[in-house]
Amino acid sequence: MKTFSSFSFGCRVNQAEKESLDRALVAKGYINRENGADLYILNTCSVTHKAEREAKQHIYQIRRSYPKTKIVVTGCAATNWQKTGEKVQEIDYLVDNQSKEYIAELIDKKFRLLKQPKQSINSNKTVRNDKFVRSGRIILKIQDGCQRFCSFCIVPYLRGMPKSKSIDSILKLIHENQEFNEVILTAINTQAFGYDTNEKFTNLVKRVLEETEVKRLSFGSIHPWSIDEEFLNLYGKYASSKRFVHFFHIPLQSGSNKTLNLMKRGYTREEFIDKLNMINTLNRMAFIGTDVIVGFLEETDKDFEDTYDFLKKTPINKFHVFRFSKREHTAAYHLSKRLKSPSPAEAQARSAKLRELSQEKYQKFLEKHINLKFEGMFLEKRINDHQLVLLNNQIPAYIATEKDMTGQLKSVKISELNNGILFGRVV
């Protein structure tokens, strides 16, 4: 019987796809091995040129480390390479996003790996060698694709129009994995959930909370268009519940109305601020993160200062900063032929300034946790006699414990912040 290993770059949708593939291959009789497997499967990202470079570097490293391993590459970068005709010599088999749903069957057929009868294993049952799974969490992909075509984004061209799982099928999958304490729902665009099935994201969240026993429900990203009055009312209802993880990663991209308009985001900074303030009002310890692009087309010093001011004054606690990357086929790629963008040096300086602000705001947010109680999910990692937990707002902390408590939920109290790390004890 042959072995496989898998790895995922990029968003949590990619991570959910990796877990789903792992389950499917194990159900077919494959053995998941961390190192030196017969087959290595890489799920790639193409959101920037840097993401594609990192994927290639990873492929080269795997080939050097394991010359005899068959390398299978899928995901957005793989799809882009196929569309553009780019060849990466070290790849043995490339599966584009359109065929990803059947990737386990395609791999099985391509390499004829099975030498023994298939095991009787439920393909929905999760393989337990993944870092999320080992800590009692499972990531479920609820939706793929996007219909918005933001001017900078290549994703709709690589993943296609929205495709959603039905609410009933998602609930079924949760019921089949009841041993997990936390379910993470992830999507390419939560606002597009149900676009093709006439269902709604808020209804999904409501039914998960009402019809399953899942102890913690969290999200990969929630997109700005999903945070409407109906969602905020639902969050208000469960804001004091232990079952709701109070973490919101809401992609902003810019705090300048001019830039938001050029990006075709469909909202203004003022509308965004109102949503952030409502979340903060409902729970001041909700952890709010975002993504920001610097160096976009026509971004002036004033536009950047608008973004900086927005991030400084709103209750966003941490942000990932990306420098604008022109992706072929997007509207911004064509607009760049007549619209200027800041120089690489300017973009780098702006990026550094925002990262510094993010670090400052995150540290201030961590300080607010001292002397407060939270429910914590214990993960594997340890520092001496302390074990890592994720608080119920997804903030990491180290809790004093001599025994291994991986996967357990416990009430903890934060006592100190030392070198940017929270410490506490079980209460």
Protein backbone atom coordinates (compact mmCIF):
# COMPACT_ATOMS: atom_id res chain seq x y z
CA MET A 1 0.00 0.00 0.00
CA LYS A 2 1.45 3.39 -1.04
CA THR A 3 1.83 6.56 0.98
CA PHE A 4 1.10 10.26 0.48
CA SER A 5 1.87 13.60 2.07
CA SER A 6 0.14 16.93 1.44
CA PHE A 7 0.74 20.62 2.00
CA SER A 8 -1.29 23.78 1.39
CA PHE A 9 -0.32 27.38 0.71
CA GLY A 10 -2.59 30.41 0.93
CA CYS A 11 -6.06 30.79 2.36
CA ARG A 12 -8.03 28.57 4.69
CA VAL A 13 -10.13 27.39 1.75
CA ASN A 14 -6.95 25.74 0.47
CA GLN A 15 -6.42 24.20 3.90
CA ALA A 16 -10.00 22.86 3.91
CA GLU A 17 -9.45 21.39 0.44
CA LYS A 18 -6.26 19.71 1.65
CA GLU A 19 -8.10 18.12 4.57
CA SER A 20 -10.89 16.93 2.27
CA LEU A 21 -8.34 15.34 -0.08
CA ASP A 22 -6.58 13.67 2.85
CA ARG A 23 -9.88 12.12 3.93
CA ALA A 24 -10.67 10.92 0.42
CA LEU A 25 -7.27 9.29 -0.12
CA VAL A 26 -7.32 7.54 3.26
CA ALA A 27 -10.80 6.24 2.44
CA LYS A 28 -9.28 4.73 -0.72
CA GLY A 29 -6.62 2.94 1.29
CA TYR A 30 -3.68 5.33 1.14
CA ILE A 31 -1.48 5.94 4.17
CA ASN A 32 -0.75 9.54 5.17
CA ARG A 33 2.94 9.91 5.97
CA GLU A 34 4.63 13.15 6.98
CA ASN A 35 8.04 12.58 5.35
CA GLY A 36 9.33 10.52 2.44
CA ALA A 37 5.93 9.56 1.01
CA ASP A 38 5.50 8.02 -2.44
CA LEU A 39 3.23 10.89 -3.44
CA TYR A 40 3.41 14.59 -2.50
CA ILE A 41 0.35 16.79 -3.14
CA LEU A 42 0.67 20.58 -3.04
CA ASN A 43 -2.31 22.96 -3.05
CA THR A 44 -1.09 26.34 -4.34
CA CYS A 45 -2.05 30.01 -4.19
CA SER A 46 -1.86 32.63 -6.95
CA VAL A 47 -3.11 35.79 -5.26
CA THR A 48 0.27 37.48 -5.93
CA HIS A 49 3.39 36.78 -7.99
CA LYS A 50 5.17 36.16 -4.69
CA ALA A 51 2.72 33.37 -3.84
CA GLU A 52 3.52 31.63 -7.11
CA ARG A 53 7.28 31.99 -6.54
CA GLU A 54 6.94 30.45 -3.10
CA ALA A 55 5.01 27.51 -4.55
CA LYS A 56 7.74 26.89 -7.14
CA GLN A 57 10.46 27.09 -4.49
CA HIS A 58 8.57 24.57 -2.38
CA ILE A 59 8.26 22.20 -5.34
CA TYR A 60 12.01 22.45 -6.01
CA GLN A 61 12.75 21.73 -2.34
CA ILE A 62 10.54 18.64 -2.33
CA ARG A 63 12.20 17.36 -5.49
CA ARG A 64 15.68 17.83 -3.99
CA SER A 65 14.69 16.22 -0.68
CA TYR A 66 12.73 13.31 -2.16
CA PRO A 67 13.90 12.62 -5.75
CA LYS A 68 11.68 9.54 -6.18
CA THR A 69 8.48 11.11 -4.85
CA LYS A 70 5.75 11.82 -7.40
CA ILE A 71 4.71 15.48 -7.10
CA VAL A 72 1.07 16.43 -7.74
CA VAL A 73 0.25 20.15 -7.85
CA THR A 74 -3.23 21.68 -7.76
CA GLY A 75 -4.84 24.98 -6.76
CA CYS A 76 -4.82 28.49 -8.16
CA ALA A 77 -1.15 28.72 -9.19
CA ALA A 78 -1.38 25.34 -10.90
CA THR A 79 -4.50 26.48 -12.73
CA ASN A 80 -2.79 29.71 -13.80
CA TRP A 81 0.27 27.79 -15.06
CA GLN A 82 -1.99 25.54 -17.08
CA LYS A 83 -3.88 28.50 -18.56
CA THR A 84 -0.69 30.35 -19.51
CA GLY A 85 1.18 27.26 -20.70
CA GLU A 86 3.95 27.70 -18.12
CA LYS A 87 5.86 24.49 -17.41
CA VAL A 88 7.37 23.57 -14.05
CA GLN A 89 9.55 20.58 -14.85
CA GLU A 90 9.50 19.02 -11.37
CA ILE A 91 5.71 18.49 -11.45
CA ASP A 92 4.61 14.94 -12.28
CA TYR A 93 0.89 15.68 -12.42
CA LEU A 94 -1.06 18.96 -12.50
CA VAL A 95 -4.75 19.13 -11.57
CA ASP A 96 -6.56 22.42 -12.17
CA ASN A 97 -9.25 23.88 -9.93
CA GLN A 98 -12.05 22.73 -12.20
CA SER A 99 -10.98 19.10 -11.69
CA LYS A 100 -10.04 19.43 -8.01
CA GLU A 101 -13.36 17.99 -6.85
CA TYR A 102 -12.29 14.64 -8.34
CA ILE A 103 -8.60 14.86 -7.47
CA ALA A 104 -8.51 11.71 -5.34
CA GLU A 105 -10.00 9.65 -8.18
CA LEU A 106 -7.67 11.27 -10.72
CA ILE A 107 -4.60 10.53 -8.59
CA ASP A 108 -5.75 6.95 -8.06
CA LYS A 109 -6.18 6.44 -11.80
CA LYS A 110 -3.00 8.28 -12.80
CA PHE A 111 -0.57 6.44 -10.56
CA ARG A 112 -2.42 3.15 -9.94
CA LEU A 113 -1.16 3.30 -6.38
CA LEU A 114 -3.51 0.83 -4.76
CA LYS A 115 -2.03 -2.64 -4.34
CA GLN A 116 -4.52 -3.84 -1.69
CA PRO A 117 -8.32 -3.77 -1.32
CA LYS A 118 -9.82 -0.44 -0.36
CA GLN A 119 -10.56 0.04 3.30
CA SER A 120 -14.08 0.57 4.53
CA ILE A 121 -13.61 4.11 5.78
CA ASN A 122 -16.09 6.97 5.73
CA SER A 123 -14.50 9.58 3.43
CA ASN A 124 -16.02 12.30 5.61
CA LYS A 125 -14.05 11.14 8.65
CA THR A 126 -11.00 13.28 9.16
CA VAL A 127 -7.36 12.18 9.07
CA ARG A 128 -5.72 12.95 12.40
CA ASN A 129 -2.22 13.98 11.40
CA ASP A 130 -3.12 17.56 10.46
CA LYS A 131 -2.28 20.36 12.90
CA PHE A 132 -5.89 21.59 12.96
CA VAL A 133 -7.33 18.12 13.42
CA ARG A 134 -4.91 17.14 16.18
CA SER A 135 -6.08 20.15 18.18
CA GLY A 136 -9.74 19.21 17.91
CA ARG A 137 -10.66 21.54 15.05
CA ILE A 138 -11.97 20.79 11.56
CA ILE A 139 -12.05 23.23 8.61
CA LEU A 140 -14.99 22.87 6.24
CA LYS A 141 -15.14 24.52 2.83
CA ILE A 142 -18.69 25.76 2.28
CA GLN A 143 -18.29 27.71 -0.96
CA ASP A 144 -15.94 28.23 -3.91
CA GLY A 145 -15.63 30.84 -6.65
CA CYS A 146 -16.64 34.49 -6.82
CA GLN A 147 -18.85 36.69 -8.97
CA ARG A 148 -17.59 40.11 -7.85
CA PHE A 149 -14.49 40.51 -10.07
CA CYS A 150 -12.71 43.09 -7.90
CA SER A 151 -10.30 44.82 -10.26
CA PHE A 152 -7.10 43.49 -8.63
CA CYS A 153 -8.24 39.90 -8.04
CA ILE A 154 -7.36 36.91 -10.21
CA VAL A 155 -9.37 34.44 -8.13
CA PRO A 156 -12.63 34.53 -10.18
CA TYR A 157 -10.61 33.72 -13.30
CA LEU A 158 -9.04 30.69 -11.61
CA ARG A 159 -11.91 29.39 -9.47
CA GLY A 160 -14.89 30.39 -11.59
CA MET A 161 -18.36 31.50 -10.55
CA PRO A 162 -19.78 30.72 -7.09
CA LYS A 163 -20.44 27.10 -6.20
CA SER A 164 -21.92 26.40 -2.77
CA LYS A 165 -22.53 23.30 -0.71
CA SER A 166 -26.09 22.99 0.54
CA ILE A 167 -26.75 23.77 4.19
CA ASP A 168 -28.08 20.23 4.68
CA SER A 169 -24.86 18.70 3.34
CA ILE A 170 -22.74 20.91 5.62
CA LEU A 171 -24.82 19.94 8.65
CA LYS A 172 -24.47 16.27 7.67
CA LEU A 173 -20.69 16.62 7.55
CA ILE A 174 -20.64 18.29 10.98
CA HIS A 175 -22.79 15.50 12.45
CA GLU A 176 -20.35 12.92 11.02
CA ASN A 177 -17.44 14.63 12.79
CA GLN A 178 -18.97 15.29 16.20
CA GLU A 179 -15.74 14.41 18.00
CA PHE A 180 -14.34 17.82 17.06
CA ASN A 181 -14.77 20.71 19.46
CA GLU A 182 -14.50 23.46 16.85
CA VAL A 183 -15.80 23.80 13.30
CA ILE A 184 -14.24 26.47 11.07
CA LEU A 185 -16.40 27.48 8.11
CA THR A 186 -14.39 28.85 5.21
CA ALA A 187 -15.23 30.23 1.77
CA ILE A 188 -13.71 32.15 -1.10
CA ASN A 189 -16.48 34.71 -0.57
CA THR A 190 -19.01 34.22 2.22
CA GLN A 191 -21.34 36.72 0.56
CA ALA A 192 -21.53 34.38 -2.45
CA PHE A 193 -22.63 31.44 -0.31
CA GLY A 194 -25.99 30.30 -1.66
CA TYR A 195 -25.59 32.42 -4.81
CA ASP A 196 -26.29 29.27 -6.83
CA THR A 197 -28.52 27.40 -4.35
CA ASN A 198 -30.85 30.15 -3.10
CA GLU A 199 -29.58 29.84 0.47
CA LYS A 200 -27.95 32.42 2.73
CA PHE A 201 -24.78 32.51 4.80
CA THR A 202 -26.60 33.85 7.86
CA ASN A 203 -29.09 30.98 7.67
CA LEU A 204 -26.19 28.52 7.56
CA VAL A 205 -24.67 30.02 10.71
CA LYS A 206 -28.05 30.01 12.46
CA ARG A 207 -28.76 26.36 11.61
CA VAL A 208 -25.29 25.20 12.66
CA LEU A 209 -25.82 26.81 16.05
CA GLU A 210 -29.39 25.52 16.42
CA GLU A 211 -29.17 22.05 14.87
CA THR A 212 -25.72 20.75 15.84
CA GLU A 213 -23.85 20.21 19.09
CA VAL A 214 -20.63 21.82 17.89
CA LYS A 215 -18.99 23.49 20.88
CA ARG A 216 -17.22 26.30 18.98
CA LEU A 217 -18.08 27.81 15.62
CA SER A 218 -15.59 30.06 13.84
CA PHE A 219 -14.88 31.43 10.38
CA GLY A 220 -11.91 31.71 8.06
CA SER A 221 -12.81 35.10 6.59
CA ILE A 222 -16.10 36.95 6.60
CA HIS A 223 -16.37 39.32 3.68
CA PRO A 224 -17.66 42.87 4.12
CA TRP A 225 -20.81 42.25 2.11
CA SER A 226 -21.82 39.42 4.49
CA ILE A 227 -21.84 41.66 7.54
CA ASP A 228 -25.33 43.05 7.09
CA GLU A 229 -28.07 43.83 9.60
CA GLU A 230 -29.27 40.23 9.65
CA PHE A 231 -25.80 38.87 10.44
CA LEU A 232 -25.15 41.50 13.11
CA ASN A 233 -28.49 40.70 14.77
CA LEU A 234 -27.55 37.01 14.81
CA TYR A 235 -24.14 37.80 16.26
CA GLY A 236 -25.76 40.00 18.89
CA LYS A 237 -27.96 37.08 19.90
CA TYR A 238 -24.95 34.77 20.38
CA ALA A 239 -22.31 37.35 21.40
CA SER A 240 -22.34 36.10 24.99
CA SER A 241 -22.40 32.45 23.96
CA LYS A 242 -19.36 30.22 24.46
CA ARG A 243 -20.17 28.57 21.13
CA PHE A 244 -19.33 31.62 18.99
CA VAL A 245 -15.63 32.30 18.37
CA HIS A 246 -15.27 36.06 18.39
CA PHE A 247 -12.79 36.37 15.53
CA PHE A 248 -13.58 38.31 12.38
CA HIS A 249 -11.13 38.47 9.50
CA ILE A 250 -12.78 41.01 7.20
CA PRO A 251 -10.80 41.89 4.04
CA LEU A 252 -10.74 45.69 3.72
CA GLN A 253 -8.02 46.23 1.05
CA SER A 254 -8.00 50.04 1.40
CA GLY A 255 -9.18 52.87 3.64
CA SER A 256 -9.34 55.32 0.74
CA ASN A 257 -12.72 55.75 -0.96
CA LYS A 258 -11.00 56.61 -4.23
CA THR A 259 -8.95 53.42 -4.11
CA LEU A 260 -11.90 51.31 -3.03
CA ASN A 261 -13.78 52.60 -6.07
CA LEU A 262 -10.88 51.75 -8.40
CA MET A 263 -10.73 48.30 -6.81
CA LYS A 264 -14.47 47.83 -7.47
CA ARG A 265 -15.09 46.82 -3.87
CA GLY A 266 -18.63 48.18 -3.76
CA TYR A 267 -18.50 49.86 -0.35
CA THR A 268 -17.11 53.03 1.24
CA ARG A 269 -14.86 53.44 4.26
CA GLU A 270 -17.79 54.96 6.15
CA GLU A 271 -19.94 51.86 5.57
CA PHE A 272 -17.07 49.66 6.70
CA ILE A 273 -16.50 51.70 9.85
CA ASP A 274 -20.15 51.32 10.86
CA LYS A 275 -19.90 47.51 10.67
CA LEU A 276 -16.67 47.44 12.67
CA ASN A 277 -18.10 49.66 15.37
CA MET A 278 -21.19 47.48 15.68
CA ILE A 279 -19.07 44.34 16.20
CA ASN A 280 -16.94 46.17 18.75
CA THR A 281 -20.04 47.38 20.57
CA LEU A 282 -21.42 43.85 20.79
CA ASN A 283 -18.11 42.48 22.11
CA ARG A 284 -15.13 44.69 22.89
CA MET A 285 -12.86 41.63 23.03
CA ALA A 286 -13.76 40.47 19.51
CA PHE A 287 -10.54 40.10 17.52
CA ILE A 288 -10.86 41.91 14.19
CA GLY A 289 -8.27 41.38 11.46
CA THR A 290 -8.08 42.48 7.86
CA ASP A 291 -6.09 42.47 4.61
CA VAL A 292 -4.72 45.67 3.06
CA ILE A 293 -3.16 46.30 -0.35
CA VAL A 294 -0.61 49.12 -0.69
CA GLY A 295 0.76 50.55 -3.90
CA PHE A 296 -2.45 50.19 -5.90
CA LEU A 297 -3.07 52.17 -9.06
CA GLU A 298 -3.11 55.95 -8.57
CA GLU A 299 -2.47 55.60 -4.81
CA THR A 300 -1.22 59.01 -3.68
CA ASP A 301 0.24 60.01 -0.34
CA LYS A 302 -3.24 61.26 0.59
CA ASP A 303 -4.84 57.91 -0.30
CA PHE A 304 -2.28 56.07 1.80
CA GLU A 305 -2.81 58.42 4.73
CA ASP A 306 -6.55 57.77 4.47
CA THR A 307 -5.82 54.05 4.82
CA TYR A 308 -3.36 54.59 7.67
CA ASP A 309 -5.82 56.82 9.51
CA PHE A 310 -8.63 54.32 8.98
CA LEU A 311 -6.59 51.45 10.40
CA LYS A 312 -5.35 53.52 13.32
CA LYS A 313 -8.75 54.78 14.48
CA THR A 314 -11.03 51.79 13.87
CA PRO A 315 -11.25 48.68 16.11
CA ILE A 316 -9.15 46.59 13.73
CA ASN A 317 -6.52 44.83 15.83
CA LYS A 318 -4.20 43.31 13.26
CA PHE A 319 -3.71 43.40 9.50
CA HIS A 320 -1.91 41.52 6.75
CA VAL A 321 -0.27 43.91 4.30
CA PHE A 322 0.24 43.04 0.63
CA ARG A 323 1.93 45.07 -2.06
CA PHE A 324 -0.15 45.38 -5.22
CA SER A 325 0.65 42.65 -7.71
CA LYS A 326 -0.57 43.06 -11.30
CA ARG A 327 -2.29 39.83 -12.32
CA GLU A 328 -2.90 39.20 -16.00
CA HIS A 329 -6.56 39.19 -17.15
CA THR A 330 -7.74 41.37 -14.25
CA ALA A 331 -9.20 44.84 -14.81
CA ALA A 332 -6.30 46.39 -12.89
CA TYR A 333 -3.81 44.75 -15.25
CA HIS A 334 -5.39 46.56 -18.19
CA LEU A 335 -5.89 49.79 -16.24
CA SER A 336 -2.19 49.81 -15.35
CA LYS A 337 -1.38 50.57 -18.98
CA ARG A 338 -2.77 54.08 -18.49
CA LEU A 339 -2.83 54.55 -14.70
CA LYS A 340 0.31 54.94 -12.64
CA SER A 341 1.13 53.15 -9.41
CA PRO A 342 3.63 54.13 -6.70
CA SER A 343 7.24 53.14 -7.17
CA PRO A 344 8.44 49.88 -5.56
CA ALA A 345 10.34 51.93 -2.98
CA GLU A 346 7.22 53.92 -2.08
CA ALA A 347 5.14 50.75 -1.82
CA GLN A 348 7.74 49.10 0.37
CA ALA A 349 7.92 52.10 2.69
CA ARG A 350 4.13 52.25 3.01
CA SER A 351 3.98 48.52 3.64
CA ALA A 352 6.56 48.80 6.43
CA LYS A 353 4.65 51.68 8.02
CA LEU A 354 1.41 49.69 8.10
CA ARG A 355 3.13 46.59 9.48
CA GLU A 356 4.56 48.70 12.29
CA LEU A 357 1.09 50.09 13.05
CA SER A 358 -0.36 46.58 13.01
CA GLN A 359 2.20 45.39 15.54
CA GLU A 360 1.47 48.37 17.81
CA LYS A 361 -2.30 47.82 17.69
CA TYR A 362 -1.99 44.09 18.23
CA GLN A 363 0.15 44.59 21.33
CA LYS A 364 -2.36 47.05 22.76
CA PHE A 365 -5.14 44.55 22.10
CA LEU A 366 -3.18 41.81 23.88
CA GLU A 367 -2.80 44.06 26.92
CA LYS A 368 -6.60 44.21 27.24
CA HIS A 369 -6.66 40.45 27.93
CA ILE A 370 -4.78 40.67 31.25
CA ASN A 371 -6.91 39.63 34.24
CA LEU A 372 -9.79 38.49 32.01
CA LYS A 373 -11.24 34.98 31.73
CA PHE A 374 -11.75 33.15 28.43
CA GLU A 375 -12.54 29.69 27.18
CA GLY A 376 -9.42 28.22 25.59
CA MET A 377 -8.88 25.42 23.07
CA PHE A 378 -5.63 23.59 23.88
CA LEU A 379 -3.23 22.98 20.98
CA GLU A 380 -0.15 20.75 20.84
CA LYS A 381 2.66 23.28 21.20
CA ARG A 382 4.34 23.79 24.58
CA ILE A 383 6.84 26.16 26.19
CA ASN A 384 8.28 24.36 29.23
CA ASP A 385 5.37 23.86 31.65
CA HIS A 386 2.91 25.93 29.58
CA GLN A 387 0.70 24.70 26.72
CA LEU A 388 -0.62 26.78 23.84
CA VAL A 389 -4.32 27.59 23.70
CA LEU A 390 -6.52 29.58 21.35
CA LEU A 391 -8.82 31.80 23.32
CA ASN A 392 -12.41 32.14 22.18
CA ASN A 393 -11.39 35.11 20.05
CA GLN A 394 -8.57 33.10 18.37
CA ILE A 395 -5.82 34.91 20.28
CA PRO A 396 -2.98 32.54 21.29
CA ALA A 397 -1.88 32.25 24.92
CA TYR A 398 0.25 29.86 26.97
CA ILE A 399 -1.44 28.25 29.97
CA ALA A 400 0.34 26.58 32.90
CA THR A 401 -0.28 22.82 32.84
CA GLU A 402 1.91 19.79 33.48
CA LYS A 403 -0.23 17.32 31.53
CA ASP A 404 -1.07 17.26 27.83
CA MET A 405 -4.52 18.82 27.30
CA THR A 406 -4.49 18.93 23.48
CA GLY A 407 -7.98 19.28 22.02
CA GLN A 408 -9.67 20.13 25.31
CA LEU A 409 -11.73 23.22 26.10
CA LYS A 410 -11.06 24.85 29.47
CA SER A 411 -11.79 28.13 31.21
CA VAL A 412 -8.55 30.09 31.58
CA LYS A 413 -7.48 33.41 33.08
CA ILE A 414 -4.77 35.58 31.53
CA SER A 415 -2.27 36.87 34.08
CA GLU A 416 0.54 38.55 32.12
CA LEU A 417 1.94 39.67 28.78
CA ASN A 418 5.63 38.88 28.39
CA ASN A 419 7.58 39.65 25.19
CA GLY A 420 4.39 39.78 23.16
CA ILE A 421 3.06 36.45 24.53
CA LEU A 422 0.07 36.03 26.84
CA PHE A 423 0.38 33.67 29.82
CA GLY A 424 -2.23 32.38 32.22
CA ARG A 425 -3.69 29.45 34.12
CA VAL A 426 -6.72 27.17 34.14
CA VAL A 427 -9.52 28.39 36.41
